[in-house]
């Protein structure tokens, strides 16, 4: 009789483990959306910027200041001389 209970218990454990593996989903790939190149050119003063963030260089991404408008983003070289002027009054955005 004990053998029957042990076999039944082992079968239940096996079913539970198998069920867990069936429901397991592998992580999906996340696309990289970052600045892969930057511009030293000035953003025209008439372009209304709403925020910015600093992007660190981590391949394939490059070191950049990312400026945001309502619709677009601009990848700018953080060493460009005009950057500090445009950063004034802007809120840093957290991604």
PDB file of N, CA and C in Angstrom:
ATOM      1  N   UNK A   1       0.821  -1.195   0.000  1.00  0.00           N
ATOM      2  CA  UNK A   1       0.000   0.000   0.000  1.00  0.00           C
ATOM      3  C   UNK A   1       0.866   1.261   0.000  1.00  0.00           C
ATOM      4  N   UNK A   2       1.957   1.228   0.791  1.00  0.00           N
ATOM      5  CA  UNK A   2       2.835   2.393   0.827  1.00  0.00           C
ATOM      6  C   UNK A   2       3.465   2.649  -0.538  1.00  0.00           C
ATOM      7  N   UNK A   3       3.731   1.604  -1.265  1.00  0.00           N
ATOM      8  CA  UNK A   3       4.316   1.748  -2.589  1.00  0.00           C
ATOM      9  C   UNK A   3       3.370   2.495  -3.531  1.00  0.00           C
ATOM     10  N   UNK A   4       2.079   2.205  -3.445  1.00  0.00           N
ATOM     11  CA  UNK A   4       1.079   2.896  -4.271  1.00  0.00           C
ATOM     12  C   UNK A   4       1.054   4.379  -3.954  1.00  0.00           C
ATOM     13  N   UNK A   5       1.095   4.741  -2.693  1.00  0.00           N
ATOM     14  CA  UNK A   5       1.087   6.152  -2.286  1.00  0.00           C
ATOM     15  C   UNK A   5       2.354   6.864  -2.767  1.00  0.00           C
ATOM     16  N   UNK A   6       3.476   6.181  -2.646  1.00  0.00           N
ATOM     17  CA  UNK A   6       4.731   6.778  -3.102  1.00  0.00           C
ATOM     18  C   UNK A   6       4.719   7.003  -4.605  1.00  0.00           C
ATOM     19  N   UNK A   7       4.207   6.026  -5.350  1.00  0.00           N
ATOM     20  CA  UNK A   7       4.114   6.181  -6.799  1.00  0.00           C
ATOM     21  C   UNK A   7       3.150   7.306  -7.169  1.00  0.00           C
ATOM     22  N   UNK A   8       2.024   7.379  -6.477  1.00  0.00           N
ATOM     23  CA  UNK A   8       1.046   8.436  -6.757  1.00  0.00           C
ATOM     24  C   UNK A   8       1.651   9.805  -6.459  1.00  0.00           C
ATOM     25  N   UNK A   9       2.360   9.905  -5.348  1.00  0.00           N
ATOM     26  CA  UNK A   9       3.002  11.165  -4.985  1.00  0.00           C
ATOM     27  C   UNK A   9       4.062  11.556  -6.011  1.00  0.00           C
ATOM     28  N   UNK A  10       4.862  10.586  -6.453  1.00  0.00           N
ATOM     29  CA  UNK A  10       5.880  10.873  -7.455  1.00  0.00           C
ATOM     30  C   UNK A  10       5.244  11.326  -8.775  1.00  0.00           C
ATOM     31  N   UNK A  11       4.119  10.719  -9.144  1.00  0.00           N
ATOM     32  CA  UNK A  11       3.422  11.107 -10.373  1.00  0.00           C
ATOM     33  C   UNK A  11       2.890  12.538 -10.256  1.00  0.00           C
ATOM     34  N   UNK A  12       2.364  12.906  -9.093  1.00  0.00           N
ATOM     35  CA  UNK A  12       1.849  14.257  -8.894  1.00  0.00           C
ATOM     36  C   UNK A  12       2.983  15.284  -8.984  1.00  0.00           C
ATOM     37  N   UNK A  13       4.125  14.982  -8.397  1.00  0.00           N
ATOM     38  CA  UNK A  13       5.274  15.875  -8.473  1.00  0.00           C
ATOM     39  C   UNK A  13       5.725  16.015  -9.917  1.00  0.00           C
ATOM     40  N   UNK A  14       5.781  14.919 -10.630  1.00  0.00           N
ATOM     41  CA  UNK A  14       6.187  14.949 -12.034  1.00  0.00           C
ATOM     42  C   UNK A  14       5.229  15.801 -12.869  1.00  0.00           C
ATOM     43  N   UNK A  15       3.931  15.662 -12.634  1.00  0.00           N
ATOM     44  CA  UNK A  15       2.936  16.453 -13.356  1.00  0.00           C
ATOM     45  C   UNK A  15       3.109  17.934 -13.036  1.00  0.00           C
ATOM     46  N   UNK A  16       3.331  18.276 -11.767  1.00  0.00           N
ATOM     47  CA  UNK A  16       3.511  19.677 -11.374  1.00  0.00           C
ATOM     48  C   UNK A  16       4.754  20.282 -12.027  1.00  0.00           C
ATOM     49  N   UNK A  17       5.847  19.548 -12.023  1.00  0.00           N
ATOM     50  CA  UNK A  17       7.092  20.046 -12.619  1.00  0.00           C
ATOM     51  C   UNK A  17       6.912  20.224 -14.121  1.00  0.00           C
ATOM     52  N   UNK A  18       6.287  19.265 -14.774  1.00  0.00           N
ATOM     53  CA  UNK A  18       6.053  19.347 -16.213  1.00  0.00           C
ATOM     54  C   UNK A  18       5.146  20.529 -16.530  1.00  0.00           C
ATOM     55  N   UNK A  19       4.117  20.742 -15.737  1.00  0.00           N
ATOM     56  CA  UNK A  19       3.195  21.858 -15.945  1.00  0.00           C
ATOM     57  C   UNK A  19       3.922  23.188 -15.813  1.00  0.00           C
ATOM     58  N   UNK A  20       4.835  23.296 -14.863  1.00  0.00           N
ATOM     59  CA  UNK A  20       5.608  24.520 -14.679  1.00  0.00           C
ATOM     60  C   UNK A  20       6.447  24.817 -15.920  1.00  0.00           C
ATOM     61  N   UNK A  21       7.047  23.813 -16.506  1.00  0.00           N
ATOM     62  CA  UNK A  21       7.900  24.011 -17.672  1.00  0.00           C
ATOM     63  C   UNK A  21       7.091  24.398 -18.904  1.00  0.00           C
ATOM     64  N   UNK A  22       5.868  23.906 -19.031  1.00  0.00           N
ATOM     65  CA  UNK A  22       5.030  24.233 -20.178  1.00  0.00           C
ATOM     66  C   UNK A  22       4.660  25.712 -20.145  1.00  0.00           C
ATOM     67  N   UNK A  23       4.408  26.281 -18.968  1.00  0.00           N
ATOM     68  CA  UNK A  23       4.008  27.670 -18.838  1.00  0.00           C
ATOM     69  C   UNK A  23       5.191  28.638 -18.878  1.00  0.00           C
ATOM     70  N   UNK A  24       6.402  28.138 -18.861  1.00  0.00           N
ATOM     71  CA  UNK A  24       7.584  28.991 -18.875  1.00  0.00           C
ATOM     72  C   UNK A  24       7.730  29.649 -20.238  1.00  0.00           C
ATOM     73  N   UNK A  25       7.915  30.961 -20.218  1.00  0.00           N
ATOM     74  CA  UNK A  25       8.140  31.695 -21.463  1.00  0.00           C
ATOM     75  C   UNK A  25       9.527  32.292 -21.434  1.00  0.00           C
ATOM     76  N   UNK A  26      10.226  32.139 -22.529  1.00  0.00           N
ATOM     77  CA  UNK A  26      11.562  32.721 -22.629  1.00  0.00           C
ATOM     78  C   UNK A  26      11.458  34.237 -22.739  1.00  0.00           C
ATOM     79  N   UNK A  27      12.474  34.940 -22.249  1.00  0.00           N
ATOM     80  CA  UNK A  27      12.471  36.392 -22.407  1.00  0.00           C
ATOM     81  C   UNK A  27      12.530  36.768 -23.885  1.00  0.00           C
ATOM     82  N   UNK A  28      11.878  37.866 -24.224  1.00  0.00           N
ATOM     83  CA  UNK A  28      11.904  38.314 -25.605  1.00  0.00           C
ATOM     84  C   UNK A  28      13.051  39.290 -25.812  1.00  0.00           C
ATOM     85  N   UNK A  29      13.484  39.415 -27.029  1.00  0.00           N
ATOM     86  CA  UNK A  29      14.557  40.357 -27.357  1.00  0.00           C
ATOM     87  C   UNK A  29      14.003  41.773 -27.340  1.00  0.00           C
ATOM     88  N   UNK A  30      14.775  42.663 -26.809  1.00  0.00           N
ATOM     89  CA  UNK A  30      14.398  44.064 -26.778  1.00  0.00           C
ATOM     90  C   UNK A  30      15.255  44.808 -27.785  1.00  0.00           C
ATOM     91  N   UNK A  31      14.630  45.561 -28.645  1.00  0.00           N
ATOM     92  CA  UNK A  31      15.369  46.344 -29.628  1.00  0.00           C
ATOM     93  C   UNK A  31      16.102  47.496 -28.953  1.00  0.00           C
ATOM     94  N   UNK A  32      17.247  47.834 -29.475  1.00  0.00           N
ATOM     95  CA  UNK A  32      18.030  48.933 -28.922  1.00  0.00           C
ATOM     96  C   UNK A  32      17.610  50.214 -29.621  1.00  0.00           C
ATOM     97  N   UNK A  33      17.137  51.172 -28.839  1.00  0.00           N
ATOM     98  CA  UNK A  33      16.794  52.474 -29.398  1.00  0.00           C
ATOM     99  C   UNK A  33      17.639  53.508 -28.679  1.00  0.00           C
ATOM    100  N   UNK A  34      18.697  53.904 -29.336  1.00  0.00           N
ATOM    101  CA  UNK A  34      19.604  54.883 -28.756  1.00  0.00           C
ATOM    102  C   UNK A  34      20.307  55.621 -29.886  1.00  0.00           C
ATOM    103  N   UNK A  35      21.054  56.636 -29.492  1.00  0.00           N
ATOM    104  CA  UNK A  35      21.824  57.397 -30.486  1.00  0.00           C
ATOM    105  C   UNK A  35      23.087  56.617 -30.822  1.00  0.00           C
ATOM    106  N   UNK A  36      23.248  56.322 -32.090  1.00  0.00           N
ATOM    107  CA  UNK A  36      24.436  55.611 -32.537  1.00  0.00           C
ATOM    108  C   UNK A  36      25.437  56.552 -33.187  1.00  0.00           C
ATOM    109  N   UNK A  37      24.997  57.794 -33.420  1.00  0.00           N
ATOM    110  CA  UNK A  37      25.881  58.852 -33.903  1.00  0.00           C
ATOM    111  C   UNK A  37      25.297  60.177 -33.441  1.00  0.00           C
ATOM    112  N   UNK A  38      26.141  61.205 -33.380  1.00  0.00           N
ATOM    113  CA  UNK A  38      25.713  62.512 -32.886  1.00  0.00           C
ATOM    114  C   UNK A  38      26.078  63.607 -33.881  1.00  0.00           C
ATOM    115  N   UNK A  39      25.479  64.764 -33.663  1.00  0.00           N
ATOM    116  CA  UNK A  39      25.760  65.919 -34.497  1.00  0.00           C
ATOM    117  C   UNK A  39      26.311  67.041 -33.624  1.00  0.00           C
ATOM    118  N   UNK A  40      27.289  67.777 -34.143  1.00  0.00           N
ATOM    119  CA  UNK A  40      27.797  68.961 -33.455  1.00  0.00           C
ATOM    120  C   UNK A  40      27.002  70.194 -33.856  1.00  0.00           C
ATOM    121  N   UNK A  41      26.172  70.065 -34.904  1.00  0.00           N
ATOM    122  CA  UNK A  41      25.386  71.188 -35.389  1.00  0.00           C
ATOM    123  C   UNK A  41      24.367  71.658 -34.357  1.00  0.00           C
ATOM    124  N   UNK A  42      24.141  72.969 -34.339  1.00  0.00           N
ATOM    125  CA  UNK A  42      23.180  73.562 -33.406  1.00  0.00           C
ATOM    126  C   UNK A  42      21.750  73.189 -33.775  1.00  0.00           C
ATOM    127  N   UNK A  43      20.939  73.029 -32.749  1.00  0.00           N
ATOM    128  CA  UNK A  43      19.499  72.883 -32.959  1.00  0.00           C
ATOM    129  C   UNK A  43      18.964  74.308 -33.101  1.00  0.00           C
ATOM    130  N   UNK A  44      18.216  74.600 -34.159  1.00  0.00           N
ATOM    131  CA  UNK A  44      17.737  75.975 -34.362  1.00  0.00           C
ATOM    132  C   UNK A  44      16.962  76.494 -33.146  1.00  0.00           C
ATOM    133  N   UNK A  45      17.113  77.782 -32.816  1.00  0.00           N
ATOM    134  CA  UNK A  45      16.452  78.351 -31.640  1.00  0.00           C
ATOM    135  C   UNK A  45      14.929  78.274 -31.700  1.00  0.00           C
ATOM    136  N   UNK A  46      14.364  78.218 -32.910  1.00  0.00           N
ATOM    137  CA  UNK A  46      12.896  78.148 -33.010  1.00  0.00           C
ATOM    138  C   UNK A  46      12.340  76.766 -32.680  1.00  0.00           C
ATOM    139  N   UNK A  47      13.216  75.758 -32.570  1.00  0.00           N
ATOM    140  CA  UNK A  47      12.780  74.417 -32.190  1.00  0.00           C
ATOM    141  C   UNK A  47      12.581  74.405 -30.676  1.00  0.00           C
ATOM    142  N   UNK A  48      11.335  74.132 -30.250  1.00  0.00           N
ATOM    143  CA  UNK A  48      11.003  74.141 -28.826  1.00  0.00           C
ATOM    144  C   UNK A  48      11.386  72.797 -28.195  1.00  0.00           C
ATOM    145  N   UNK A  49      12.366  72.843 -27.306  1.00  0.00           N
ATOM    146  CA  UNK A  49      12.805  71.637 -26.609  1.00  0.00           C
ATOM    147  C   UNK A  49      12.009  71.487 -25.326  1.00  0.00           C
ATOM    148  N   UNK A  50      11.625  70.235 -25.000  1.00  0.00           N
ATOM    149  CA  UNK A  50      10.839  70.002 -23.785  1.00  0.00           C
ATOM    150  C   UNK A  50      11.637  69.259 -22.710  1.00  0.00           C
ATOM    151  N   UNK A  51      12.771  68.701 -23.063  1.00  0.00           N
ATOM    152  CA  UNK A  51      13.582  67.984 -22.087  1.00  0.00           C
ATOM    153  C   UNK A  51      14.818  67.390 -22.728  1.00  0.00           C
ATOM    154  N   UNK A  52      15.619  66.771 -21.885  1.00  0.00           N
ATOM    155  CA  UNK A  52      16.847  66.149 -22.376  1.00  0.00           C
ATOM    156  C   UNK A  52      17.230  65.002 -21.447  1.00  0.00           C
ATOM    157  N   UNK A  53      18.162  64.206 -21.908  1.00  0.00           N
ATOM    158  CA  UNK A  53      18.796  63.195 -21.055  1.00  0.00           C
ATOM    159  C   UNK A  53      20.205  62.957 -21.575  1.00  0.00           C
ATOM    160  N   UNK A  54      21.058  62.518 -20.682  1.00  0.00           N
ATOM    161  CA  UNK A  54      22.425  62.179 -21.067  1.00  0.00           C
ATOM    162  C   UNK A  54      22.469  60.686 -21.326  1.00  0.00           C
ATOM    163  N   UNK A  55      22.979  60.303 -22.470  1.00  0.00           N
ATOM    164  CA  UNK A  55      23.123  58.889 -22.822  1.00  0.00           C
ATOM    165  C   UNK A  55      24.598  58.526 -22.722  1.00  0.00           C
ATOM    166  N   UNK A  56      24.887  57.519 -21.929  1.00  0.00           N
ATOM    167  CA  UNK A  56      26.267  57.039 -21.803  1.00  0.00           C
ATOM    168  C   UNK A  56      26.624  56.139 -22.974  1.00  0.00           C
ATOM    169  N   UNK A  57      27.910  56.111 -23.276  1.00  0.00           N
ATOM    170  CA  UNK A  57      28.392  55.255 -24.361  1.00  0.00           C
ATOM    171  C   UNK A  57      28.421  53.808 -23.887  1.00  0.00           C
ATOM    172  N   UNK A  58      27.643  52.986 -24.534  1.00  0.00           N
ATOM    173  CA  UNK A  58      27.618  51.554 -24.286  1.00  0.00           C
ATOM    174  C   UNK A  58      27.242  50.923 -25.615  1.00  0.00           C
ATOM    175  N   UNK A  59      28.215  50.347 -26.275  1.00  0.00           N
ATOM    176  CA  UNK A  59      28.074  49.877 -27.647  1.00  0.00           C
ATOM    177  C   UNK A  59      26.742  49.155 -27.865  1.00  0.00           C
ATOM    178  N   UNK A  60      25.998  49.475 -28.894  1.00  0.00           N
ATOM    179  CA  UNK A  60      26.315  50.311 -30.043  1.00  0.00           C
ATOM    180  C   UNK A  60      25.998  51.796 -29.818  1.00  0.00           C
ATOM    181  N   UNK A  61      25.559  52.168 -28.638  1.00  0.00           N
ATOM    182  CA  UNK A  61      25.199  53.551 -28.346  1.00  0.00           C
ATOM    183  C   UNK A  61      26.454  54.388 -28.089  1.00  0.00           C
ATOM    184  N   UNK A  62      26.360  55.692 -28.378  1.00  0.00           N
ATOM    185  CA  UNK A  62      27.491  56.600 -28.184  1.00  0.00           C
ATOM    186  C   UNK A  62      27.144  57.610 -27.092  1.00  0.00           C
ATOM    187  N   UNK A  63      28.168  58.279 -26.564  1.00  0.00           N
ATOM    188  CA  UNK A  63      27.973  59.334 -25.587  1.00  0.00           C
ATOM    189  C   UNK A  63      27.215  60.477 -26.264  1.00  0.00           C
ATOM    190  N   UNK A  64      26.088  60.892 -25.683  1.00  0.00           N
ATOM    191  CA  UNK A  64      25.266  61.902 -26.342  1.00  0.00           C
ATOM    192  C   UNK A  64      24.375  62.625 -25.337  1.00  0.00           C
ATOM    193  N   UNK A  65      23.978  63.826 -25.715  1.00  0.00           N
ATOM    194  CA  UNK A  65      22.888  64.522 -25.050  1.00  0.00           C
ATOM    195  C   UNK A  65      21.706  64.386 -26.000  1.00  0.00           C
ATOM    196  N   UNK A  66      20.616  63.793 -25.514  1.00  0.00           N
ATOM    197  CA  UNK A  66      19.433  63.584 -26.335  1.00  0.00           C
ATOM    198  C   UNK A  66      18.416  64.664 -25.967  1.00  0.00           C
ATOM    199  N   UNK A  67      18.129  65.548 -26.904  1.00  0.00           N
ATOM    200  CA  UNK A  67      17.135  66.596 -26.705  1.00  0.00           C
ATOM    201  C   UNK A  67      15.801  66.109 -27.251  1.00  0.00           C
ATOM    202  N   UNK A  68      14.722  66.397 -26.518  1.00  0.00           N
ATOM    203  CA  UNK A  68      13.385  65.973 -26.924  1.00  0.00           C
ATOM    204  C   UNK A  68      12.514  67.174 -27.268  1.00  0.00           C
ATOM    205  N   UNK A  69      11.735  67.027 -28.345  1.00  0.00           N
ATOM    206  CA  UNK A  69      10.681  67.978 -28.687  1.00  0.00           C
ATOM    207  C   UNK A  69       9.371  67.202 -28.541  1.00  0.00           C
ATOM    208  N   UNK A  70       8.267  67.807 -28.922  1.00  0.00           N
ATOM    209  CA  UNK A  70       6.980  67.106 -28.851  1.00  0.00           C
ATOM    210  C   UNK A  70       6.970  65.860 -29.737  1.00  0.00           C
ATOM    211  N   UNK A  71       7.665  65.926 -30.874  1.00  0.00           N
ATOM    212  CA  UNK A  71       7.594  64.832 -31.846  1.00  0.00           C
ATOM    213  C   UNK A  71       8.916  64.142 -32.128  1.00  0.00           C
ATOM    214  N   UNK A  72      10.030  64.829 -31.931  1.00  0.00           N
ATOM    215  CA  UNK A  72      11.319  64.297 -32.355  1.00  0.00           C
ATOM    216  C   UNK A  72      12.318  64.250 -31.209  1.00  0.00           C
ATOM    217  N   UNK A  73      13.452  63.659 -31.513  1.00  0.00           N
ATOM    218  CA  UNK A  73      14.594  63.719 -30.605  1.00  0.00           C
ATOM    219  C   UNK A  73      15.840  64.020 -31.425  1.00  0.00           C
ATOM    220  N   UNK A  74      16.775  64.719 -30.798  1.00  0.00           N
ATOM    221  CA  UNK A  74      18.022  65.100 -31.455  1.00  0.00           C
ATOM    222  C   UNK A  74      19.187  64.531 -30.663  1.00  0.00           C
ATOM    223  N   UNK A  75      20.081  63.851 -31.340  1.00  0.00           N
ATOM    224  CA  UNK A  75      21.277  63.285 -30.719  1.00  0.00           C
ATOM    225  C   UNK A  75      22.424  64.272 -30.940  1.00  0.00           C
ATOM    226  N   UNK A  76      22.882  64.872 -29.852  1.00  0.00           N
ATOM    227  CA  UNK A  76      23.894  65.922 -29.949  1.00  0.00           C
ATOM    228  C   UNK A  76      25.166  65.529 -29.229  1.00  0.00           C
ATOM    229  N   UNK A  77      26.266  66.034 -29.730  1.00  0.00           N
ATOM    230  CA  UNK A  77      27.576  65.787 -29.135  1.00  0.00           C
ATOM    231  C   UNK A  77      27.672  66.562 -27.814  1.00  0.00           C
ATOM    232  N   UNK A  78      27.893  65.860 -26.697  1.00  0.00           N
ATOM    233  CA  UNK A  78      27.944  66.546 -25.402  1.00  0.00           C
ATOM    234  C   UNK A  78      29.115  67.515 -25.260  1.00  0.00           C
ATOM    235  N   UNK A  79      30.113  67.427 -26.150  1.00  0.00           N
ATOM    236  CA  UNK A  79      31.257  68.341 -26.062  1.00  0.00           C
ATOM    237  C   UNK A  79      31.060  69.601 -26.905  1.00  0.00           C
ATOM    238  N   UNK A  80      29.953  69.682 -27.648  1.00  0.00           N
ATOM    239  CA  UNK A  80      29.690  70.873 -28.464  1.00  0.00           C
ATOM    240  C   UNK A  80      29.509  72.081 -27.542  1.00  0.00           C
ATOM    241  N   UNK A  81      30.030  73.221 -27.962  1.00  0.00           N
ATOM    242  CA  UNK A  81      30.061  74.419 -27.117  1.00  0.00           C
ATOM    243  C   UNK A  81      28.669  74.982 -26.821  1.00  0.00           C
ATOM    244  N   UNK A  82      27.708  74.784 -27.694  1.00  0.00           N
ATOM    245  CA  UNK A  82      26.377  75.359 -27.529  1.00  0.00           C
ATOM    246  C   UNK A  82      25.463  74.551 -26.600  1.00  0.00           C
ATOM    247  N   UNK A  83      25.872  73.342 -26.250  1.00  0.00           N
ATOM    248  CA  UNK A  83      25.035  72.439 -25.452  1.00  0.00           C
ATOM    249  C   UNK A  83      24.607  73.073 -24.119  1.00  0.00           C
ATOM    250  N   UNK A  84      25.546  73.613 -23.365  1.00  0.00           N
ATOM    251  CA  UNK A  84      25.228  74.169 -22.039  1.00  0.00           C
ATOM    252  C   UNK A  84      24.166  75.266 -22.134  1.00  0.00           C
ATOM    253  N   UNK A  85      24.216  76.061 -23.196  1.00  0.00           N
ATOM    254  CA  UNK A  85      23.230  77.122 -23.383  1.00  0.00           C
ATOM    255  C   UNK A  85      21.824  76.535 -23.534  1.00  0.00           C
ATOM    256  N   UNK A  86      21.681  75.460 -24.309  1.00  0.00           N
ATOM    257  CA  UNK A  86      20.365  74.865 -24.560  1.00  0.00           C
ATOM    258  C   UNK A  86      19.862  74.039 -23.380  1.00  0.00           C
ATOM    259  N   UNK A  87      20.770  73.583 -22.502  1.00  0.00           N
ATOM    260  CA  UNK A  87      20.352  72.804 -21.340  1.00  0.00           C
ATOM    261  C   UNK A  87      19.665  73.665 -20.283  1.00  0.00           C
ATOM    262  N   UNK A  88      19.955  74.965 -20.270  1.00  0.00           N
ATOM    263  CA  UNK A  88      19.382  75.849 -19.258  1.00  0.00           C
ATOM    264  C   UNK A  88      17.871  75.844 -19.335  1.00  0.00           C
ATOM    265  N   UNK A  89      17.257  75.612 -18.190  1.00  0.00           N
ATOM    266  CA  UNK A  89      15.804  75.638 -18.103  1.00  0.00           C
ATOM    267  C   UNK A  89      15.100  74.365 -18.541  1.00  0.00           C
ATOM    268  N   UNK A  90      15.845  73.389 -19.009  1.00  0.00           N
ATOM    269  CA  UNK A  90      15.218  72.133 -19.427  1.00  0.00           C
ATOM    270  C   UNK A  90      15.239  71.108 -18.293  1.00  0.00           C
ATOM    271  N   UNK A  91      14.220  70.289 -18.241  1.00  0.00           N
ATOM    272  CA  UNK A  91      14.125  69.231 -17.243  1.00  0.00           C
ATOM    273  C   UNK A  91      14.791  67.967 -17.767  1.00  0.00           C
ATOM    274  N   UNK A  92      15.567  67.318 -16.896  1.00  0.00           N
ATOM    275  CA  UNK A  92      16.190  66.046 -17.303  1.00  0.00           C
ATOM    276  C   UNK A  92      15.121  64.956 -17.272  1.00  0.00           C
ATOM    277  N   UNK A  93      15.067  64.181 -18.337  1.00  0.00           N
ATOM    278  CA  UNK A  93      14.070  63.121 -18.495  1.00  0.00           C
ATOM    279  C   UNK A  93      14.693  61.795 -18.110  1.00  0.00           C
ATOM    280  N   UNK A  94      13.956  61.014 -17.315  1.00  0.00           N
ATOM    281  CA  UNK A  94      14.404  59.660 -16.928  1.00  0.00           C
ATOM    282  C   UNK A  94      13.732  58.663 -17.843  1.00  0.00           C
ATOM    283  N   UNK A  95      14.510  57.751 -18.435  1.00  0.00           N
ATOM    284  CA  UNK A  95      13.939  56.688 -19.270  1.00  0.00           C
ATOM    285  C   UNK A  95      13.681  55.457 -18.463  1.00  0.00           C
TER     286      UNK A  95
END
